[in-house]
Each structure stands twice: as C-alpha cells, then as structure tokens.
N, C-alpha and C. Protein backbone atom coordinates (compact mmCIF):
# COMPACT_ATOMS: atom_id res chain seq x y z
N MET A 1 27.59 -88.64 154.42
CA MET A 1 26.53 -88.06 155.02
C MET A 1 27.07 -86.60 155.69
N ASP A 2 26.40 -85.47 155.40
CA ASP A 2 26.47 -84.34 156.19
C ASP A 2 26.69 -84.42 157.58
N ASP A 3 27.73 -83.74 158.31
CA ASP A 3 27.82 -83.86 159.89
C ASP A 3 26.58 -83.20 160.29
N ILE A 4 25.80 -82.16 159.86
CA ILE A 4 24.70 -81.64 160.19
C ILE A 4 23.47 -82.55 160.44
N TRP A 5 23.49 -83.59 159.77
CA TRP A 5 22.53 -84.68 159.88
C TRP A 5 22.57 -85.84 160.45
N LYS A 6 23.95 -86.11 161.12
CA LYS A 6 24.34 -87.22 161.82
C LYS A 6 23.50 -87.51 162.98
N ASP A 7 22.97 -86.65 163.47
CA ASP A 7 22.17 -87.15 164.81
C ASP A 7 20.66 -87.52 164.29
N VAL A 8 20.06 -86.76 163.29
CA VAL A 8 18.73 -87.39 162.57
C VAL A 8 18.94 -88.73 162.03
N TYR A 9 20.17 -88.97 161.28
CA TYR A 9 20.40 -90.59 160.84
C TYR A 9 20.42 -91.38 162.04
N LYS A 10 21.07 -90.98 163.14
CA LYS A 10 21.21 -92.04 164.38
C LYS A 10 19.60 -92.28 164.91
N LYS A 11 18.99 -91.19 164.77
CA LYS A 11 17.51 -91.42 165.34
C LYS A 11 16.83 -92.21 164.56
N LEU A 12 16.95 -92.07 163.20
CA LEU A 12 16.18 -92.75 162.16
C LEU A 12 16.52 -94.33 162.39
N ALA A 13 17.87 -94.43 162.59
CA ALA A 13 18.24 -95.96 162.84
C ALA A 13 17.79 -96.74 163.92
N ARG A 14 17.70 -95.87 165.08
CA ARG A 14 16.98 -96.31 166.24
C ARG A 14 15.50 -96.53 166.52
N GLY A 15 15.03 -95.80 165.09
CA GLY A 15 13.56 -95.86 165.15
C GLY A 15 12.76 -95.07 165.92
N ASN A 16 13.34 -93.64 166.44
CA ASN A 16 12.84 -92.77 167.26
C ASN A 16 11.70 -92.16 166.73
N ALA A 17 10.74 -91.69 167.46
CA ALA A 17 9.44 -90.94 166.60
C ALA A 17 10.01 -89.74 166.27
N ILE A 18 10.76 -88.95 167.42
CA ILE A 18 11.03 -87.70 167.05
C ILE A 18 12.41 -87.54 166.43
N LEU A 19 12.79 -87.03 165.40
CA LEU A 19 14.14 -87.01 164.78
C LEU A 19 14.93 -85.78 164.82
N PHE A 20 14.56 -84.71 165.52
CA PHE A 20 15.35 -83.64 165.69
C PHE A 20 15.15 -83.10 167.14
N GLY A 21 16.04 -82.18 167.71
CA GLY A 21 15.93 -81.74 169.05
C GLY A 21 16.43 -80.21 168.89
N LYS A 22 16.09 -79.45 169.82
CA LYS A 22 16.63 -78.19 169.75
C LYS A 22 18.09 -78.08 169.72
N ASP A 23 18.76 -79.14 170.14
CA ASP A 23 20.00 -79.21 170.05
C ASP A 23 20.83 -79.88 168.76
N SER A 24 19.76 -80.21 168.02
CA SER A 24 20.33 -81.12 166.72
C SER A 24 21.22 -79.94 165.86
N ALA A 25 22.36 -80.32 165.13
CA ALA A 25 23.35 -79.60 164.72
C ALA A 25 22.94 -78.63 163.60
N CYS A 26 21.76 -79.32 162.83
CA CYS A 26 20.98 -78.27 161.72
C CYS A 26 20.23 -77.23 162.42
N LEU A 27 19.83 -77.27 163.46
CA LEU A 27 19.16 -76.04 164.30
C LEU A 27 19.75 -75.47 165.12
N LEU A 28 21.09 -75.33 165.31
CA LEU A 28 21.81 -74.58 166.09
C LEU A 28 21.89 -73.19 166.05
N ALA A 29 21.93 -72.64 164.53
CA ALA A 29 21.75 -71.57 164.08
C ALA A 29 20.32 -70.78 164.19
N LEU A 30 19.34 -71.52 164.20
CA LEU A 30 17.90 -70.83 164.32
C LEU A 30 17.71 -70.88 165.86
N ALA A 31 18.14 -71.99 166.69
CA ALA A 31 18.10 -71.75 168.27
C ALA A 31 18.53 -70.53 168.46
N ALA A 32 19.84 -70.31 168.22
CA ALA A 32 20.64 -68.94 168.55
C ALA A 32 19.89 -67.81 168.16
N GLY A 33 19.45 -67.92 167.01
CA GLY A 33 18.63 -66.62 166.24
C GLY A 33 17.41 -66.45 167.12
N LEU A 34 16.68 -67.59 167.44
CA LEU A 34 15.53 -67.17 168.25
C LEU A 34 15.71 -66.72 169.65
N ASP A 35 16.96 -67.19 170.10
CA ASP A 35 17.32 -66.60 171.59
C ASP A 35 17.66 -65.36 171.55
N GLY A 36 18.01 -64.66 170.58
CA GLY A 36 18.45 -63.20 170.42
C GLY A 36 17.30 -62.31 170.18
N LEU A 37 16.06 -62.85 169.98
CA LEU A 37 14.82 -62.24 169.80
C LEU A 37 14.01 -61.94 171.02
N SER A 38 13.37 -61.07 170.69
CA SER A 38 12.28 -60.28 171.96
C SER A 38 11.27 -61.65 171.95
N ARG A 39 10.44 -61.74 173.03
CA ARG A 39 9.49 -62.80 173.12
C ARG A 39 8.51 -62.42 172.17
N ARG A 40 8.14 -61.19 171.84
CA ARG A 40 6.97 -61.04 171.06
C ARG A 40 7.42 -61.38 169.54
N ALA A 41 8.69 -61.26 169.26
CA ALA A 41 9.39 -61.44 167.86
C ALA A 41 9.27 -63.07 167.72
N VAL A 42 9.69 -63.84 169.03
CA VAL A 42 9.48 -65.31 168.85
C VAL A 42 7.84 -65.95 168.49
N VAL A 43 7.02 -65.12 169.39
CA VAL A 43 5.74 -65.52 169.04
C VAL A 43 5.54 -65.28 167.67
N LEU A 44 5.63 -64.18 167.13
CA LEU A 44 5.26 -63.71 165.95
C LEU A 44 5.87 -64.69 164.71
N TRP A 45 7.19 -65.01 165.18
CA TRP A 45 7.96 -65.97 164.21
C TRP A 45 6.91 -67.25 164.27
N ALA A 46 6.72 -67.84 165.40
CA ALA A 46 6.24 -69.24 165.43
C ALA A 46 4.60 -69.09 164.93
N LEU A 47 3.78 -68.01 164.93
CA LEU A 47 2.51 -67.97 164.49
C LEU A 47 2.44 -67.84 163.02
N THR A 48 3.70 -67.30 162.48
CA THR A 48 3.52 -67.00 160.93
C THR A 48 4.19 -68.50 160.36
N CYS A 49 5.37 -69.00 160.98
CA CYS A 49 5.71 -70.37 160.23
C CYS A 49 4.91 -71.44 160.37
N VAL A 50 4.10 -71.39 161.55
CA VAL A 50 3.15 -72.71 161.61
C VAL A 50 2.06 -72.66 160.51
N ARG A 51 1.87 -71.46 159.54
CA ARG A 51 0.87 -71.58 158.67
C ARG A 51 0.77 -73.08 157.47
N LYS A 52 2.18 -73.07 157.26
CA LYS A 52 2.38 -74.46 156.34
C LYS A 52 2.05 -75.77 157.00
N PRO A 53 2.16 -76.07 158.33
CA PRO A 53 1.98 -77.08 158.86
C PRO A 53 0.59 -77.17 159.06
N VAL A 54 -0.23 -75.80 159.30
CA VAL A 54 -1.67 -75.96 159.31
C VAL A 54 -2.17 -76.31 158.05
N ALA A 55 -1.65 -75.89 156.90
CA ALA A 55 -2.22 -76.24 155.82
C ALA A 55 -2.06 -77.53 155.25
N ALA A 56 -0.96 -78.17 155.64
CA ALA A 56 -0.98 -79.78 155.56
C ALA A 56 -1.70 -80.36 156.18
N LEU A 57 -1.94 -80.31 157.57
CA LEU A 57 -2.84 -80.88 158.27
C LEU A 57 -4.23 -80.70 157.90
N GLU A 58 -4.75 -79.78 157.09
CA GLU A 58 -6.16 -79.66 156.59
C GLU A 58 -6.15 -80.55 155.47
N GLU A 59 -4.86 -80.97 154.88
CA GLU A 59 -5.17 -81.85 153.75
C GLU A 59 -5.22 -83.33 154.32
N TYR A 60 -4.28 -83.62 155.39
CA TYR A 60 -4.51 -84.81 156.06
C TYR A 60 -5.97 -84.95 156.80
N PHE A 61 -6.51 -83.95 157.29
CA PHE A 61 -7.70 -84.28 158.02
C PHE A 61 -8.92 -83.37 157.34
N PRO A 62 -9.30 -83.66 156.05
CA PRO A 62 -10.41 -82.63 155.28
C PRO A 62 -11.59 -82.54 156.08
N GLY A 63 -11.73 -81.28 156.23
CA GLY A 63 -13.26 -80.93 156.95
C GLY A 63 -12.96 -80.63 158.40
N ASP A 64 -11.71 -81.11 158.99
CA ASP A 64 -11.65 -80.64 160.35
C ASP A 64 -10.75 -79.47 160.54
N GLY A 65 -11.64 -78.30 160.95
CA GLY A 65 -11.04 -77.18 161.18
C GLY A 65 -10.33 -76.80 162.37
N ARG A 66 -10.21 -77.66 163.21
CA ARG A 66 -9.46 -77.33 164.40
C ARG A 66 -7.93 -76.76 164.15
N PHE A 67 -7.26 -77.11 163.16
CA PHE A 67 -5.99 -76.69 163.06
C PHE A 67 -5.97 -75.12 162.76
N GLY A 68 -6.81 -74.71 161.82
CA GLY A 68 -6.68 -73.12 161.54
C GLY A 68 -7.35 -72.42 162.62
N GLN A 69 -8.39 -73.12 163.21
CA GLN A 69 -9.11 -72.48 164.29
C GLN A 69 -8.15 -72.22 165.43
N THR A 70 -7.27 -73.14 165.88
CA THR A 70 -6.18 -73.01 166.77
C THR A 70 -5.52 -72.01 166.72
N LEU A 71 -4.75 -72.02 165.61
CA LEU A 71 -3.88 -70.90 165.15
C LEU A 71 -4.55 -69.48 165.13
N ALA A 72 -5.96 -69.50 164.81
CA ALA A 72 -6.73 -68.17 164.92
C ALA A 72 -6.75 -67.72 166.43
N LEU A 73 -7.13 -68.93 167.29
CA LEU A 73 -7.23 -68.54 168.78
C LEU A 73 -6.07 -68.14 169.30
N ALA A 74 -4.67 -68.78 168.86
CA ALA A 74 -3.44 -68.27 169.37
C ALA A 74 -3.16 -66.85 169.17
N ARG A 75 -3.65 -66.26 167.81
CA ARG A 75 -3.38 -64.91 167.56
C ARG A 75 -4.23 -64.29 168.25
N LEU A 76 -5.33 -64.57 168.63
CA LEU A 76 -6.20 -63.54 169.73
C LEU A 76 -5.65 -63.64 171.03
N TRP A 77 -5.27 -64.87 171.40
CA TRP A 77 -4.41 -64.93 172.80
C TRP A 77 -3.32 -64.03 172.88
N ALA A 78 -2.41 -63.78 171.76
CA ALA A 78 -1.31 -63.03 171.72
C ALA A 78 -1.58 -61.62 171.71
N GLU A 79 -2.81 -61.22 171.29
CA GLU A 79 -3.41 -59.61 170.92
C GLU A 79 -4.12 -59.49 172.25
N GLY A 80 -4.32 -60.47 173.19
CA GLY A 80 -5.11 -60.25 174.56
C GLY A 80 -6.47 -60.19 174.32
N ARG A 81 -6.96 -60.71 173.19
CA ARG A 81 -8.45 -60.67 173.05
C ARG A 81 -9.08 -61.92 173.52
N LEU A 82 -8.33 -62.91 174.13
CA LEU A 82 -8.95 -64.41 174.23
C LEU A 82 -8.01 -64.81 175.65
N LYS A 83 -8.57 -65.43 176.42
CA LYS A 83 -7.70 -65.74 177.62
C LYS A 83 -7.21 -67.12 177.23
N MET A 84 -6.18 -67.39 178.20
CA MET A 84 -5.41 -68.85 177.95
C MET A 84 -6.23 -69.87 177.98
N PRO A 85 -7.26 -70.17 178.87
CA PRO A 85 -7.65 -71.45 178.92
C PRO A 85 -8.62 -71.99 177.64
N GLU A 86 -9.08 -71.01 176.84
CA GLU A 86 -9.92 -71.28 175.55
C GLU A 86 -8.72 -71.74 174.69
N ALA A 87 -7.73 -70.98 174.35
CA ALA A 87 -6.61 -71.29 173.58
C ALA A 87 -5.98 -72.66 173.96
N ARG A 88 -5.77 -72.71 175.29
CA ARG A 88 -5.29 -74.17 175.84
C ARG A 88 -5.99 -75.40 175.29
N ARG A 89 -7.29 -75.09 175.45
CA ARG A 89 -8.21 -76.40 175.10
C ARG A 89 -8.02 -76.65 173.66
N ALA A 90 -7.94 -75.47 172.73
CA ALA A 90 -7.78 -75.72 171.07
C ALA A 90 -6.27 -76.67 171.12
N ILE A 91 -5.38 -75.95 171.66
CA ILE A 91 -4.10 -76.30 171.36
C ILE A 91 -3.86 -77.78 171.78
N LEU A 92 -4.44 -78.41 173.03
CA LEU A 92 -4.73 -79.66 173.52
C LEU A 92 -5.57 -80.53 172.51
N SER A 93 -6.50 -79.99 171.86
CA SER A 93 -7.12 -80.47 171.04
C SER A 93 -6.38 -81.06 169.51
N VAL A 94 -5.42 -80.02 169.15
CA VAL A 94 -4.65 -80.22 168.22
C VAL A 94 -3.44 -81.61 168.62
N HIS A 95 -3.09 -81.45 169.83
CA HIS A 95 -2.31 -82.26 170.07
C HIS A 95 -3.08 -83.83 170.12
N ALA A 96 -4.25 -83.89 170.51
CA ALA A 96 -4.94 -85.11 170.67
C ALA A 96 -5.21 -85.53 169.32
N ALA A 97 -5.22 -84.73 168.28
CA ALA A 97 -5.68 -85.18 166.69
C ALA A 97 -4.35 -85.96 166.09
N ALA A 98 -3.21 -86.18 166.87
CA ALA A 98 -2.01 -86.90 166.72
C ALA A 98 -2.49 -88.25 166.82
N ARG A 99 -3.47 -88.71 167.82
CA ARG A 99 -3.92 -89.96 167.80
C ARG A 99 -4.81 -90.52 167.09
N LEU A 100 -5.40 -89.65 166.22
CA LEU A 100 -6.27 -90.11 165.32
C LEU A 100 -5.93 -90.75 164.08
N THR A 101 -4.40 -90.81 163.90
CA THR A 101 -3.81 -91.21 162.51
C THR A 101 -2.71 -91.89 162.91
N GLU A 102 -2.30 -92.76 161.99
CA GLU A 102 -1.19 -93.87 162.08
C GLU A 102 -0.10 -93.22 161.31
N ASP A 103 -0.29 -92.21 160.52
CA ASP A 103 0.70 -91.48 159.86
C ASP A 103 1.64 -90.76 160.53
N GLY A 104 3.08 -91.09 160.54
CA GLY A 104 3.85 -90.43 161.30
C GLY A 104 3.96 -89.20 160.97
N ALA A 105 3.92 -88.78 159.69
CA ALA A 105 4.18 -87.20 159.19
C ALA A 105 3.02 -86.37 159.82
N ALA A 106 1.79 -86.98 159.69
CA ALA A 106 0.56 -85.95 160.14
C ALA A 106 0.73 -86.07 161.75
N LYS A 107 1.03 -87.19 162.52
CA LYS A 107 1.34 -86.90 163.90
C LYS A 107 2.20 -85.92 164.20
N ALA A 108 3.27 -85.64 163.61
CA ALA A 108 4.14 -84.80 163.85
C ALA A 108 4.02 -83.39 163.54
N LEU A 109 3.02 -83.15 162.60
CA LEU A 109 2.54 -81.85 162.28
C LEU A 109 1.66 -81.61 163.39
N CYS A 110 0.55 -82.47 163.84
CA CYS A 110 -0.17 -82.20 165.00
C CYS A 110 0.57 -81.38 165.99
N HIS A 111 1.73 -81.98 166.56
CA HIS A 111 2.58 -81.65 167.57
C HIS A 111 3.35 -80.32 167.24
N ALA A 112 3.53 -80.31 165.95
CA ALA A 112 4.27 -79.06 165.47
C ALA A 112 3.08 -77.80 165.76
N VAL A 113 2.01 -77.96 165.19
CA VAL A 113 1.10 -76.90 165.40
C VAL A 113 0.92 -76.72 166.86
N GLY A 114 0.52 -77.46 167.58
CA GLY A 114 0.29 -77.34 169.09
C GLY A 114 1.45 -76.47 169.71
N GLN A 115 2.61 -77.02 169.35
CA GLN A 115 3.93 -76.29 170.15
C GLN A 115 4.05 -74.87 169.59
N ALA A 116 3.80 -74.59 168.26
CA ALA A 116 3.85 -73.42 167.73
C ALA A 116 3.00 -72.23 168.48
N CYS A 117 1.60 -72.88 168.70
CA CYS A 117 0.55 -71.97 169.12
C CYS A 117 0.89 -71.77 170.75
N SER A 118 1.54 -72.75 171.05
CA SER A 118 1.81 -72.66 172.65
C SER A 118 3.04 -71.56 173.08
N ALA A 119 3.69 -71.23 171.88
CA ALA A 119 4.89 -70.23 172.26
C ALA A 119 4.22 -68.95 172.79
N VAL A 120 3.06 -68.62 172.54
CA VAL A 120 2.31 -67.56 173.12
C VAL A 120 2.77 -67.70 174.84
N HIS A 121 2.45 -68.98 175.26
CA HIS A 121 2.41 -69.19 176.78
C HIS A 121 4.01 -69.07 177.27
N SER A 122 4.92 -69.75 176.68
CA SER A 122 6.36 -69.76 176.70
C SER A 122 7.22 -69.71 175.33
N ARG A 123 8.04 -68.88 175.18
CA ARG A 123 9.06 -68.92 174.09
C ARG A 123 9.63 -70.15 173.94
N ARG A 124 9.67 -71.16 175.07
CA ARG A 124 10.79 -72.42 174.76
C ARG A 124 9.90 -73.34 174.00
N HIS A 125 8.50 -73.03 173.61
CA HIS A 125 7.61 -74.03 172.96
C HIS A 125 8.08 -73.77 171.37
N ALA A 126 8.58 -72.41 171.24
CA ALA A 126 8.74 -72.19 169.64
C ALA A 126 9.70 -73.26 168.85
N MET A 127 10.68 -73.73 169.46
CA MET A 127 11.54 -74.76 168.88
C MET A 127 10.60 -75.80 168.66
N GLY A 128 9.89 -76.13 169.32
CA GLY A 128 8.82 -77.45 169.05
C GLY A 128 8.38 -77.43 167.59
N LEU A 129 8.15 -76.31 167.06
CA LEU A 129 7.73 -76.10 165.67
C LEU A 129 8.69 -76.78 164.74
N PRO A 130 9.98 -76.25 164.65
CA PRO A 130 11.06 -76.93 163.65
C PRO A 130 11.08 -78.77 164.25
N VAL A 131 11.33 -78.86 165.46
CA VAL A 131 11.34 -80.12 165.70
C VAL A 131 10.63 -81.05 165.27
N TYR A 132 9.25 -80.60 165.35
CA TYR A 132 8.05 -81.71 164.94
C TYR A 132 7.93 -81.63 163.42
N GLU A 133 7.93 -80.41 162.77
CA GLU A 133 7.64 -80.23 161.48
C GLU A 133 8.75 -80.82 160.57
N LEU A 134 10.11 -80.65 161.08
CA LEU A 134 10.98 -81.57 160.02
C LEU A 134 11.04 -82.93 160.33
N THR A 135 10.63 -83.40 161.26
CA THR A 135 10.40 -84.67 161.69
C THR A 135 9.56 -85.16 160.70
N ALA A 136 8.26 -84.51 160.48
CA ALA A 136 7.03 -84.96 159.43
C ALA A 136 7.57 -84.88 158.13
N MET A 137 8.43 -83.72 158.00
CA MET A 137 9.08 -83.92 156.47
C MET A 137 9.97 -85.05 156.12
N VAL A 138 10.68 -85.66 157.26
CA VAL A 138 11.56 -86.81 156.69
C VAL A 138 10.68 -87.84 156.54
N ARG A 139 9.60 -88.02 157.55
CA ARG A 139 8.50 -89.15 157.41
C ARG A 139 8.02 -88.93 156.15
N LYS A 140 7.67 -87.77 155.65
CA LYS A 140 6.64 -87.84 154.15
C LYS A 140 7.88 -87.89 152.97
N TYR A 141 9.02 -87.57 153.14
CA TYR A 141 10.10 -87.54 151.97
C TYR A 141 11.06 -88.63 152.38
N PRO A 142 11.08 -89.74 152.61
CA PRO A 142 11.83 -90.65 153.10
C PRO A 142 13.40 -90.54 152.25
N ASP A 143 13.28 -90.39 150.92
CA ASP A 143 14.42 -90.39 150.05
C ASP A 143 14.61 -88.84 149.62
N GLY A 144 15.81 -88.66 150.09
CA GLY A 144 16.12 -87.14 149.79
C GLY A 144 15.31 -85.92 150.41
N TRP A 145 15.20 -86.48 151.82
CA TRP A 145 14.44 -85.39 152.74
C TRP A 145 15.55 -84.28 153.10
N GLU A 146 16.74 -84.66 152.99
CA GLU A 146 17.76 -83.38 153.29
C GLU A 146 17.54 -82.13 152.68
N SER A 147 17.37 -82.10 151.30
CA SER A 147 17.39 -80.88 150.69
C SER A 147 15.83 -80.28 151.04
N VAL A 148 14.72 -80.81 151.33
CA VAL A 148 13.60 -80.57 151.68
C VAL A 148 13.85 -79.82 153.11
N VAL A 149 14.39 -80.38 153.95
CA VAL A 149 14.47 -80.11 155.41
C VAL A 149 15.59 -78.68 155.42
N ALA A 150 16.46 -78.68 154.59
CA ALA A 150 17.43 -77.61 154.59
C ALA A 150 16.75 -76.46 154.04
N GLY A 151 15.72 -76.39 152.91
CA GLY A 151 15.19 -75.44 152.44
C GLY A 151 14.24 -75.02 153.73
N ARG A 152 13.69 -75.72 154.30
CA ARG A 152 12.54 -75.42 155.43
C ARG A 152 13.35 -74.40 156.55
N ILE A 153 14.52 -75.02 156.77
CA ILE A 153 15.26 -74.26 157.93
C ILE A 153 15.65 -72.82 157.26
N GLU A 154 16.08 -72.89 156.00
CA GLU A 154 16.22 -71.57 155.32
C GLU A 154 15.04 -70.52 155.60
N GLY A 155 14.03 -71.17 155.42
CA GLY A 155 12.90 -70.38 155.65
C GLY A 155 12.48 -70.06 156.74
N TYR A 156 12.94 -70.72 157.80
CA TYR A 156 12.53 -70.43 159.28
C TYR A 156 13.67 -69.17 159.63
N LEU A 157 14.88 -69.41 159.27
CA LEU A 157 15.82 -68.36 159.51
C LEU A 157 15.57 -66.93 158.85
N ALA A 158 14.87 -67.07 157.56
CA ALA A 158 14.53 -65.65 156.95
C ALA A 158 13.54 -65.11 157.60
N ALA A 159 12.49 -65.99 158.23
CA ALA A 159 11.49 -65.47 159.20
C ALA A 159 11.92 -64.95 160.30
N ALA A 160 12.94 -65.59 160.78
CA ALA A 160 13.61 -64.99 162.19
C ALA A 160 14.12 -63.75 162.02
N ARG A 161 14.85 -63.63 161.07
CA ARG A 161 15.46 -62.29 160.40
C ARG A 161 14.89 -61.05 160.55
N SER A 162 13.41 -61.40 159.99
CA SER A 162 12.44 -60.29 159.84
C SER A 162 11.38 -60.12 161.03
N ALA A 163 11.39 -61.00 162.04
CA ALA A 163 10.48 -61.14 163.07
C ALA A 163 10.56 -59.96 163.94
N GLU A 164 11.50 -59.34 164.46
CA GLU A 164 11.75 -58.48 165.24
C GLU A 164 11.30 -57.04 164.82
N GLU A 165 11.49 -56.77 163.71
CA GLU A 165 11.11 -55.68 162.95
C GLU A 165 9.24 -55.87 162.99
N GLU A 166 9.17 -56.98 162.29
CA GLU A 166 7.50 -57.02 162.44
C GLU A 166 6.84 -57.15 163.46
N ALA A 167 7.49 -57.54 164.61
CA ALA A 167 6.87 -57.29 166.18
C ALA A 167 7.02 -56.10 166.42
N ARG A 168 7.67 -55.20 166.24
CA ARG A 168 7.56 -53.77 166.44
C ARG A 168 6.39 -53.13 165.83
N ARG A 169 6.42 -53.32 164.58
CA ARG A 169 5.08 -52.86 163.82
C ARG A 169 3.71 -53.27 164.41
N CYS A 170 3.78 -54.30 164.71
CA CYS A 170 2.43 -54.95 165.44
C CYS A 170 1.99 -53.82 166.58
N GLU A 171 0.73 -53.54 166.24
CA GLU A 171 0.19 -52.85 167.50
C GLU A 171 -0.57 -53.32 168.75
N GLU A 172 -1.15 -54.42 168.40
CA GLU A 172 -1.99 -55.36 169.25
C GLU A 172 -1.14 -56.51 169.89
N TRP A 173 -0.76 -56.38 171.05
CA TRP A 173 -0.25 -57.44 171.99
C TRP A 173 -1.06 -57.23 173.19
N ALA A 174 -0.99 -58.71 173.72
CA ALA A 174 -1.63 -58.76 175.00
C ALA A 174 -0.67 -57.97 175.96
N PRO A 175 -1.28 -57.63 177.37
CA PRO A 175 -0.31 -57.12 178.16
C PRO A 175 0.82 -57.70 178.66
N PHE A 176 0.68 -59.12 178.87
CA PHE A 176 1.95 -60.11 179.36
C PHE A 176 2.84 -60.23 178.28
N LEU A 177 2.69 -59.71 176.85
CA LEU A 177 3.73 -59.72 175.90
C LEU A 177 4.36 -58.33 175.68
N LYS A 178 3.80 -57.38 176.21
CA LYS A 178 4.47 -55.88 175.99
C LYS A 178 5.70 -55.72 177.02
C-alpha cells in the first residue's frame, strides 16, 4: 500500500462515510496549490472541476436538473448577476439530494457539487470538491480505485496550474471577487 493512501485505507476499515480530508496525504499538493491562488482563481477552478460530478449526478438522477442548474446559478453569483440567497437555496437543494439515495457514490457527489458551488462564498469550500468526489470514486470503483483517484488528482492539479491565468482573462466578476 502506498503511503499516500494510508489514511484512506484506515477510513475505509473504520467504515467512515467520507474517506478523504483536506489533510489527506494525496491531497497535500493540491491544497498547497489552491492556497497559492487568488480567490477568483479558486472559484474558477472549483466551478470548472465540478462539471464531471454534475454530469455523473445527472446519470444518477435522470431528469433532475438541479445539479446543472445549481452550477449555472453559482456562475451567475460569481459574475455578480445573482444574489447569494438564490444560489444558496440551490446549493442546499443539491446537498439535500444526498438524502434521496442510498448509493454512497451519489451521496458524496451531491456534497461535492454543493461544496464546489459554495466556493463562491468562501474559498475554504473548494477543497470539499475533491474530498467528496474522490470518496465517490472509491465507492464506485472499490477494486483498483487508486489509479482512478490518482488520475483525477492530476486533473485537479492541471486545472489549478491554469486557473490563475484563466481568472485574469475573465472579465465578469462580482464586486466581492474583484
């Protein structure tokens, strides 16, 4: 067993619902990378990386448009074209969707989307995306999850490396993000 997965295996053995944390060994480089980014870049990173969990949830909950709608509302909030209460209601609805399923992967993905969209409010929510999405991956791929999770972490890191420049190119930001 690789040392970077040691804490995940411990949580699996204990039956924990959430298998990763912001201090998980496999996420330390990502956490440090996000800490070095501007708030706008972190928001952009979260709202970009959350597309995959949104797409996965649309498969788990066919016809339930709340996941894509919440992402769209979070983008409008980040652009200053929507007030926080409306986005907050949508985000809480996504978290509430976790109660509609017994599937551990789907539950975790609901929280991943909610946390990523909440990054507009506070950059601290951004790490909730990998914490929950990676938990969902372990639940979905119980055999050989390490390579799937490692690949997704690489994707997060690549997105983080380009987020600052992309955030500078974006012209529409809410005043509280400027």
